[in-house]
Structures are given as structure tokens and as C-alpha cells.
Amino acid sequence: MMTAELVKQKGDEKEHEAAKAPIDRIRVAPNTVAYVENHKLVVEFAIPGAPTETIDVKMLEDGVYLTAPARDVEYAAALPFGWPVKPGKAEASYEHGLLRISVPLKDPMEDAVKLVIKSGGGEPVIDSAKNKAA
């Protein structure tokens, strides 16, 4: 059986326990909880046994993607959001096998385009003018 690649840790190449496991792990969806708390979306993934160095999380405005290899399983999840978030302000912590991500909700009007209605020749014309007053 093949083994996973070495994980770089503080400049030294060390083989991590999860890296010793076979590459052909069983993929499983982690237990997941998502809720809103203090104007932030909180997402919690139960990924016991996954070393912090091997957890890969990609946060977008409309969803989060996770892969996290553990000894004999690989956790994988794709969770779409029902409300946009600010991915650049996300914070994450990992303790006792629980990955907790907290990200501020985005104001849906933040990128709104103001439409200015002008009349010309008897027919209304709609011009989009972002951030301009009517």
C-alpha cells in the first residue's frame, strides 16, 4: 500500500500519524452543525483523529468545503450557505476533534447597485450608477 506524502512541520519534514495510513481511506461526511450566533454563522465539524496540519478548509461567500484525512478515514464536506458571509474574516479553532468556524454574515445590500430612473422621450430609462445618490 502507498502512504500519504510527508507533512512539513516547522521546517522539518516529519511523518505524521495520519500520513502513515493508506491513501485509499474511506470518505465519510463529518457530523455537522450550523447556526447563527451574534450576527455570525457558526459551523462545527466533528472530525476526530484528523491532525490540524492536514485539515484543508476553503471558505467562500456562499459555502465551505472541507477535507481532513484521519488514520483510516477521510472526512469530506461541502456545505452551501443560505446567506452570504465574509470569508476573509472567518476564524477557526480545532479542539478535541471539533473544528469550529465562525464567520460574519454579509449584509446583502452591501454590494447593491442603485438604479437611477431618467425619463427620455417619454419612456423611462434605467441607468445603473453604483454608489451615486439619485
Protein backbone atom coordinates (compact mmCIF):
# COMPACT_ATOMS: atom_id res chain seq x y z
CA MET A 1 0.00 0.00 0.00
CA MET A 2 1.06 3.55 -0.67
CA THR A 3 1.41 6.07 2.12
CA ALA A 4 0.47 9.74 2.12
CA GLU A 5 3.07 12.42 1.50
CA LEU A 6 5.17 13.79 4.32
CA VAL A 7 3.75 16.75 6.17
CA LYS A 8 6.06 19.73 6.68
CA GLN A 9 6.06 20.88 10.26
CA LYS A 10 8.12 23.90 11.40
CA GLY A 11 10.55 23.49 8.52
CA ASP A 12 11.36 19.86 9.38
CA GLU A 13 9.89 17.02 7.36
CA LYS A 14 8.16 14.67 9.76
CA GLU A 15 5.85 11.80 9.03
CA HIS A 16 2.62 12.36 10.88
CA GLU A 17 0.48 9.53 12.25
CA ALA A 18 -2.25 10.29 9.70
CA ALA A 19 0.35 10.23 6.93
CA LYS A 20 1.24 6.62 7.81
CA ALA A 21 -2.26 5.45 6.93
CA PRO A 22 -3.08 4.15 3.46
CA ILE A 23 -4.13 6.67 0.82
CA ASP A 24 -7.26 4.69 -0.04
CA ARG A 25 -9.17 5.83 3.05
CA ILE A 26 -12.93 5.62 3.24
CA ARG A 27 -14.50 9.05 2.65
CA VAL A 28 -17.13 9.99 5.19
CA ALA A 29 -19.19 13.11 5.80
CA PRO A 30 -18.48 14.51 9.26
CA ASN A 31 -21.29 15.29 11.67
CA THR A 32 -22.01 18.96 11.02
CA VAL A 33 -23.94 21.68 12.82
CA ALA A 34 -24.54 25.23 11.54
CA TYR A 35 -26.24 28.06 13.41
CA VAL A 36 -26.25 31.85 13.72
CA GLU A 37 -24.85 33.48 16.86
CA ASN A 38 -24.25 37.23 17.37
CA HIS A 39 -24.56 38.06 13.62
CA LYS A 40 -22.08 35.32 12.74
CA LEU A 41 -22.55 31.97 11.06
CA VAL A 42 -21.00 29.21 13.15
CA VAL A 43 -20.24 25.86 11.50
CA GLU A 44 -18.96 22.92 13.53
CA PHE A 45 -17.49 19.75 12.00
CA ALA A 46 -16.78 16.65 14.11
CA ILE A 47 -13.51 15.30 12.65
CA PRO A 48 -11.91 13.24 15.42
CA GLY A 49 -8.42 11.96 14.72
CA ALA A 50 -7.66 14.48 11.97
CA PRO A 51 -4.32 16.21 12.62
CA THR A 52 -4.53 20.01 12.46
CA GLU A 53 -1.80 20.15 9.80
CA THR A 54 -3.82 18.01 7.38
CA ILE A 55 -7.17 19.85 7.61
CA ASP A 56 -7.99 21.74 4.40
CA VAL A 57 -10.84 24.27 4.59
CA LYS A 58 -11.93 26.56 1.77
CA MET A 59 -14.37 29.30 2.72
CA LEU A 60 -16.39 31.16 0.09
CA GLU A 61 -19.18 33.72 0.36
CA ASP A 62 -21.76 31.03 -0.31
CA GLY A 63 -20.30 27.86 1.20
CA VAL A 64 -17.48 25.96 2.88
CA TYR A 65 -15.52 22.93 1.68
CA LEU A 66 -13.58 20.61 3.97
CA THR A 67 -11.24 17.67 3.60
CA ALA A 68 -9.48 16.20 6.60
CA PRO A 69 -7.64 12.88 6.49
CA ALA A 70 -7.53 10.86 9.69
CA ARG A 71 -5.97 7.45 10.30
CA ASP A 72 -8.41 5.24 8.37
CA VAL A 73 -10.99 7.74 7.06
CA GLU A 74 -11.01 10.98 5.14
CA TYR A 75 -13.63 13.47 6.20
CA ALA A 76 -15.12 15.42 3.29
CA ALA A 77 -17.89 18.00 3.30
CA ALA A 78 -19.38 20.69 1.08
CA LEU A 79 -21.87 22.92 2.86
CA PRO A 80 -23.73 25.64 0.95
CA PHE A 81 -24.93 28.67 2.92
CA GLY A 82 -28.37 30.23 2.71
CA TRP A 83 -26.93 33.70 3.43
CA PRO A 84 -23.68 35.26 2.19
CA VAL A 85 -20.75 35.57 4.60
CA LYS A 86 -17.44 37.48 4.70
CA PRO A 87 -14.91 34.67 4.13
CA GLY A 88 -11.88 36.93 4.73
CA LYS A 89 -12.99 37.45 8.33
CA ALA A 90 -13.55 33.80 9.22
CA GLU A 91 -11.97 32.41 12.39
CA ALA A 92 -11.41 28.75 13.14
CA SER A 93 -10.43 26.67 16.14
CA TYR A 94 -9.86 22.92 16.48
CA GLU A 95 -10.13 21.21 19.83
CA HIS A 96 -10.86 17.61 20.86
CA GLY A 97 -11.83 16.61 17.31
CA LEU A 98 -14.24 19.52 16.81
CA LEU A 99 -13.50 22.12 14.12
CA ARG A 100 -15.43 25.34 14.84
CA ILE A 101 -15.59 28.06 12.19
CA SER A 102 -17.15 31.45 12.91
CA VAL A 103 -17.68 33.93 10.07
CA PRO A 104 -19.58 37.25 10.00
CA LEU A 105 -22.74 37.39 7.93
CA LYS A 106 -22.61 39.73 4.96
CA ASP A 107 -25.18 42.49 4.58
CA PRO A 108 -26.97 41.53 1.35
CA MET A 109 -27.33 45.24 0.49
CA GLU A 110 -23.56 45.81 0.76
CA ASP A 111 -22.93 45.34 -2.97
CA ALA A 112 -26.30 46.64 -4.12
CA VAL A 113 -26.42 48.72 -7.28
CA LYS A 114 -28.57 51.85 -7.14
CA LEU A 115 -30.78 52.28 -10.16
CA VAL A 116 -31.43 55.84 -11.31
CA ILE A 117 -34.53 56.27 -13.41
CA LYS A 118 -34.45 59.01 -16.02
CA SER A 119 -37.16 59.87 -18.45
CA GLY A 120 -36.15 60.49 -22.02
CA GLY A 121 -38.54 60.81 -24.91
CA GLY A 122 -41.50 59.84 -22.78
CA GLU A 123 -40.06 56.41 -21.94
CA PRO A 124 -38.25 55.72 -18.68
CA VAL A 125 -34.57 54.81 -18.95
CA ILE A 126 -32.84 52.92 -16.15
CA ASP A 127 -29.16 53.68 -15.57
CA SER A 128 -27.13 51.71 -13.06
CA ALA A 129 -24.90 54.00 -11.06
CA LYS A 130 -23.20 52.29 -8.16
CA ASN A 131 -22.83 54.38 -5.02
CA LYS A 132 -24.38 57.52 -6.57
CA ALA A 133 -27.22 59.44 -4.99
CA ALA A 134 -30.35 59.94 -7.05
